[in-house]
Amino acid sequence: MIYIAADERDVVRLRTDCREGEDVYLYRLRVVSIDRIRDAFRDYLGRMNQLHDRAEWYNAVADNCMTSGYRIMRKHSAPGRADLHWSVIFNAYAPDHAYTTGALDTSLPFDELKRRSRVNDRARAAGDAEDFSARIREGMPGMDWVPEEGG
């Protein structure tokens, strides 16, 4: 099991520019607070350090990129937003489930949110720009939402 700490440009553009046929979607999570997301980030870093100290095997069902991140985010989520659900294992369905629980912007029907959240063309157009992150988010639904301080 490994975690890869990378620049957003690298991980997004790997999928939009280097690999064929992959769609990349970017959704704005409705986190409880800035403090909770900061704590979740610290837990990710702590988990990376644990794996550095003691290696573990990747498991396609029980311990993979989705389930590993899910366990961390669950600890910091609002009640009902990270309950155990089959979409954690079949992760192509995770955005739909997150929408259903209110963890994503719900101002649009999910199909429209998904269509507008595809960033492939935006990422290619942004290239290596310093403001890559801002460019791929510009005008996207829910990106103007800001979590509360504290919490």
C-alpha atoms as a PDB file:
ATOM      1  CA  MET A   1       0.000   0.000   0.000  1.00  0.00           C
ATOM      2  CA  ILE A   2       1.309   3.443  -0.873  1.00  0.00           C
ATOM      3  CA  TYR A   3       0.008   6.966  -0.777  1.00  0.00           C
ATOM      4  CA  ILE A   4       1.223   9.341  -3.447  1.00  0.00           C
ATOM      5  CA  ALA A   5       1.560  12.992  -2.508  1.00  0.00           C
ATOM      6  CA  ALA A   6       1.443  14.919  -5.759  1.00  0.00           C
ATOM      7  CA  ASP A   7       0.668  18.280  -7.266  1.00  0.00           C
ATOM      8  CA  GLU A   8      -2.920  18.502  -8.514  1.00  0.00           C
ATOM      9  CA  ARG A   9      -1.647  19.296 -12.005  1.00  0.00           C
ATOM     10  CA  ASP A  10       0.285  16.032 -12.069  1.00  0.00           C
ATOM     11  CA  VAL A  11      -2.499  13.718 -10.949  1.00  0.00           C
ATOM     12  CA  VAL A  12      -5.221  15.358 -13.037  1.00  0.00           C
ATOM     13  CA  ARG A  13      -3.145  15.793 -16.189  1.00  0.00           C
ATOM     14  CA  LEU A  14      -1.851  12.216 -15.965  1.00  0.00           C
ATOM     15  CA  ARG A  15      -5.455  11.142 -16.519  1.00  0.00           C
ATOM     16  CA  THR A  16      -6.449  13.846 -19.015  1.00  0.00           C
ATOM     17  CA  ASP A  17      -3.286  14.179 -21.116  1.00  0.00           C
ATOM     18  CA  CYS A  18      -1.302  10.951 -20.806  1.00  0.00           C
ATOM     19  CA  ARG A  19      -3.884   8.197 -20.521  1.00  0.00           C
ATOM     20  CA  GLU A  20      -6.482   7.483 -23.180  1.00  0.00           C
ATOM     21  CA  GLY A  21     -10.197   7.379 -22.466  1.00  0.00           C
ATOM     22  CA  GLU A  22     -10.272   8.446 -18.806  1.00  0.00           C
ATOM     23  CA  ASP A  23     -12.770  11.009 -17.597  1.00  0.00           C
ATOM     24  CA  VAL A  24     -11.815  13.168 -14.616  1.00  0.00           C
ATOM     25  CA  TYR A  25     -14.496  14.701 -12.417  1.00  0.00           C
ATOM     26  CA  LEU A  26     -13.945  17.313  -9.747  1.00  0.00           C
ATOM     27  CA  TYR A  27     -16.626  17.804  -7.095  1.00  0.00           C
ATOM     28  CA  ARG A  28     -16.701  20.265  -4.204  1.00  0.00           C
ATOM     29  CA  LEU A  29     -17.232  18.340  -0.977  1.00  0.00           C
ATOM     30  CA  ARG A  30     -19.458  19.928   1.659  1.00  0.00           C
ATOM     31  CA  VAL A  31     -17.151  19.428   4.609  1.00  0.00           C
ATOM     32  CA  VAL A  32     -18.220  20.231   8.139  1.00  0.00           C
ATOM     33  CA  SER A  33     -15.540  22.819   8.798  1.00  0.00           C
ATOM     34  CA  ILE A  34     -12.093  23.980   7.835  1.00  0.00           C
ATOM     35  CA  ASP A  35     -10.750  22.529  11.087  1.00  0.00           C
ATOM     36  CA  ARG A  36     -12.156  19.083  10.306  1.00  0.00           C
ATOM     37  CA  ILE A  37     -10.713  19.008   6.794  1.00  0.00           C
ATOM     38  CA  ARG A  38      -7.374  20.177   8.199  1.00  0.00           C
ATOM     39  CA  ASP A  39      -7.509  17.340  10.751  1.00  0.00           C
ATOM     40  CA  ALA A  40      -8.353  14.858   7.974  1.00  0.00           C
ATOM     41  CA  PHE A  41      -5.328  16.064   6.008  1.00  0.00           C
ATOM     42  CA  ARG A  42      -3.150  15.542   9.083  1.00  0.00           C
ATOM     43  CA  ASP A  43      -4.545  12.017   9.400  1.00  0.00           C
ATOM     44  CA  TYR A  44      -3.601  11.341   5.757  1.00  0.00           C
ATOM     45  CA  LEU A  45      -0.063  12.477   6.523  1.00  0.00           C
ATOM     46  CA  GLY A  46      -0.016  10.330   9.649  1.00  0.00           C
ATOM     47  CA  ARG A  47      -1.175   7.321   7.632  1.00  0.00           C
ATOM     48  CA  MET A  48       1.606   7.915   5.123  1.00  0.00           C
ATOM     49  CA  ASN A  49       4.122   7.932   7.954  1.00  0.00           C
ATOM     50  CA  GLN A  50       2.645   4.705   9.375  1.00  0.00           C
ATOM     51  CA  LEU A  51       3.124   2.995   6.014  1.00  0.00           C
ATOM     52  CA  HIS A  52       6.678   4.286   5.880  1.00  0.00           C
ATOM     53  CA  ASP A  53       7.362   2.724   9.278  1.00  0.00           C
ATOM     54  CA  ARG A  54       5.444  -0.502   8.651  1.00  0.00           C
ATOM     55  CA  ALA A  55       4.546  -1.588   5.121  1.00  0.00           C
ATOM     56  CA  GLU A  56       1.120  -3.119   4.454  1.00  0.00           C
ATOM     57  CA  TRP A  57      -0.308  -5.048   1.525  1.00  0.00           C
ATOM     58  CA  TYR A  58      -2.781  -3.464  -0.854  1.00  0.00           C
ATOM     59  CA  ASN A  59      -6.114  -5.298  -0.940  1.00  0.00           C
ATOM     60  CA  ALA A  60      -8.358  -4.631  -3.941  1.00  0.00           C
ATOM     61  CA  VAL A  61     -11.515  -4.912  -1.806  1.00  0.00           C
ATOM     62  CA  ALA A  62     -10.708  -4.145   1.818  1.00  0.00           C
ATOM     63  CA  ASP A  63      -7.727  -1.782   1.740  1.00  0.00           C
ATOM     64  CA  ASN A  64      -7.379   0.205  -1.462  1.00  0.00           C
ATOM     65  CA  CYS A  65      -7.257   3.879  -2.463  1.00  0.00           C
ATOM     66  CA  MET A  66     -10.981   4.400  -1.873  1.00  0.00           C
ATOM     67  CA  THR A  67     -11.465   2.414   1.345  1.00  0.00           C
ATOM     68  CA  SER A  68      -8.283   3.800   2.879  1.00  0.00           C
ATOM     69  CA  GLY A  69      -9.269   7.416   2.237  1.00  0.00           C
ATOM     70  CA  TYR A  70     -12.864   6.681   3.220  1.00  0.00           C
ATOM     71  CA  ARG A  71     -11.813   5.509   6.691  1.00  0.00           C
ATOM     72  CA  ILE A  72     -10.005   8.792   7.271  1.00  0.00           C
ATOM     73  CA  MET A  73     -12.785  10.997   5.893  1.00  0.00           C
ATOM     74  CA  ARG A  74     -15.466   9.079   7.809  1.00  0.00           C
ATOM     75  CA  LYS A  75     -13.839  10.097  11.067  1.00  0.00           C
ATOM     76  CA  HIS A  76     -14.188  13.786  10.130  1.00  0.00           C
ATOM     77  CA  SER A  77     -17.559  13.772   8.320  1.00  0.00           C
ATOM     78  CA  ALA A  78     -20.948  15.063   9.362  1.00  0.00           C
ATOM     79  CA  PRO A  79     -23.313  12.388  10.707  1.00  0.00           C
ATOM     80  CA  GLY A  80     -24.927  10.414   7.879  1.00  0.00           C
ATOM     81  CA  ARG A  81     -22.477  11.546   5.209  1.00  0.00           C
ATOM     82  CA  ALA A  82     -19.945   8.750   5.511  1.00  0.00           C
ATOM     83  CA  ASP A  83     -21.957   5.771   6.639  1.00  0.00           C
ATOM     84  CA  LEU A  84     -20.734   2.442   5.319  1.00  0.00           C
ATOM     85  CA  HIS A  85     -22.175   1.981   1.832  1.00  0.00           C
ATOM     86  CA  TRP A  86     -21.482  -0.427  -1.021  1.00  0.00           C
ATOM     87  CA  SER A  87     -20.259   2.493  -3.193  1.00  0.00           C
ATOM     88  CA  VAL A  88     -17.079   2.550  -1.086  1.00  0.00           C
ATOM     89  CA  ILE A  89     -16.121  -0.745  -2.741  1.00  0.00           C
ATOM     90  CA  PHE A  90     -17.690  -0.034  -6.154  1.00  0.00           C
ATOM     91  CA  ASN A  91     -16.291   3.467  -6.151  1.00  0.00           C
ATOM     92  CA  ALA A  92     -17.606   4.554  -9.552  1.00  0.00           C
ATOM     93  CA  TYR A  93     -20.890   5.014  -7.664  1.00  0.00           C
ATOM     94  CA  ALA A  94     -19.386   7.018  -4.793  1.00  0.00           C
ATOM     95  CA  PRO A  95     -20.171  10.480  -6.256  1.00  0.00           C
ATOM     96  CA  ASP A  96     -23.849   9.570  -6.659  1.00  0.00           C
ATOM     97  CA  HIS A  97     -23.975   8.369  -3.052  1.00  0.00           C
ATOM     98  CA  ALA A  98     -22.158  11.496  -1.828  1.00  0.00           C
ATOM     99  CA  TYR A  99     -24.732  13.601  -3.684  1.00  0.00           C
ATOM    100  CA  THR A 100     -27.578  11.652  -2.061  1.00  0.00           C
ATOM    101  CA  THR A 101     -26.177  12.291   1.429  1.00  0.00           C
ATOM    102  CA  GLY A 102     -25.650  16.008   0.773  1.00  0.00           C
ATOM    103  CA  ALA A 103     -21.867  15.792   0.763  1.00  0.00           C
ATOM    104  CA  LEU A 104     -21.839  17.383  -2.730  1.00  0.00           C
ATOM    105  CA  ASP A 105     -23.579  20.426  -4.155  1.00  0.00           C
ATOM    106  CA  THR A 106     -27.265  19.570  -4.717  1.00  0.00           C
ATOM    107  CA  SER A 107     -28.376  22.735  -6.528  1.00  0.00           C
ATOM    108  CA  LEU A 108     -28.499  20.741  -9.793  1.00  0.00           C
ATOM    109  CA  PRO A 109     -29.772  17.242 -10.595  1.00  0.00           C
ATOM    110  CA  PHE A 110     -26.886  14.790 -10.180  1.00  0.00           C
ATOM    111  CA  ASP A 111     -26.586  14.010 -13.918  1.00  0.00           C
ATOM    112  CA  GLU A 112     -26.140  17.719 -14.663  1.00  0.00           C
ATOM    113  CA  LEU A 113     -23.681  18.167 -11.774  1.00  0.00           C
ATOM    114  CA  LYS A 114     -21.625  15.249 -13.096  1.00  0.00           C
ATOM    115  CA  ARG A 115     -21.669  16.569 -16.669  1.00  0.00           C
ATOM    116  CA  ARG A 116     -20.520  20.012 -15.520  1.00  0.00           C
ATOM    117  CA  SER A 117     -17.900  18.542 -13.138  1.00  0.00           C
ATOM    118  CA  ARG A 118     -15.890  16.813 -15.873  1.00  0.00           C
ATOM    119  CA  VAL A 119     -12.577  18.682 -16.072  1.00  0.00           C
ATOM    120  CA  ASN A 120     -10.736  16.973 -18.947  1.00  0.00           C
ATOM    121  CA  ASP A 121     -11.037  19.890 -21.392  1.00  0.00           C
ATOM    122  CA  ARG A 122     -10.373  22.485 -18.685  1.00  0.00           C
ATOM    123  CA  ALA A 123      -7.226  20.650 -17.551  1.00  0.00           C
ATOM    124  CA  ARG A 124      -5.871  20.374 -21.069  1.00  0.00           C
ATOM    125  CA  ALA A 125      -6.539  24.091 -21.665  1.00  0.00           C
ATOM    126  CA  ALA A 126      -4.909  25.073 -18.349  1.00  0.00           C
ATOM    127  CA  GLY A 127      -1.731  23.148 -19.193  1.00  0.00           C
ATOM    128  CA  ASP A 128       1.109  24.062 -16.835  1.00  0.00           C
ATOM    129  CA  ALA A 129      -0.408  27.373 -15.746  1.00  0.00           C
ATOM    130  CA  GLU A 130       0.437  28.493 -12.227  1.00  0.00           C
ATOM    131  CA  ASP A 131      -3.274  28.977 -11.566  1.00  0.00           C
ATOM    132  CA  PHE A 132      -4.163  25.482 -12.820  1.00  0.00           C
ATOM    133  CA  SER A 133      -6.345  24.737  -9.784  1.00  0.00           C
ATOM    134  CA  ALA A 134      -8.358  27.936 -10.190  1.00  0.00           C
ATOM    135  CA  ARG A 135      -8.750  27.412 -13.937  1.00  0.00           C
ATOM    136  CA  ILE A 136     -10.184  23.917 -13.671  1.00  0.00           C
ATOM    137  CA  ARG A 137     -12.673  25.114 -11.004  1.00  0.00           C
ATOM    138  CA  GLU A 138     -13.761  28.353 -12.661  1.00  0.00           C
ATOM    139  CA  GLY A 139     -17.543  28.488 -13.091  1.00  0.00           C
ATOM    140  CA  MET A 140     -18.111  24.961 -11.791  1.00  0.00           C
ATOM    141  CA  PRO A 141     -21.132  24.263  -9.592  1.00  0.00           C
ATOM    142  CA  GLY A 142     -20.547  24.474  -5.852  1.00  0.00           C
ATOM    143  CA  MET A 143     -17.012  25.842  -6.061  1.00  0.00           C
ATOM    144  CA  ASP A 144     -18.050  29.119  -4.450  1.00  0.00           C
ATOM    145  CA  TRP A 145     -19.170  27.358  -1.249  1.00  0.00           C
ATOM    146  CA  VAL A 146     -16.873  27.805   1.758  1.00  0.00           C
ATOM    147  CA  PRO A 147     -16.992  25.704   4.961  1.00  0.00           C
ATOM    148  CA  GLU A 148     -17.352  27.267   8.370  1.00  0.00           C
ATOM    149  CA  GLU A 149     -14.366  28.095  10.556  1.00  0.00           C
ATOM    150  CA  GLY A 150     -13.853  25.904  13.621  1.00  0.00           C
ATOM    151  CA  GLY A 151     -15.931  22.855  14.241  1.00  0.00           C
END
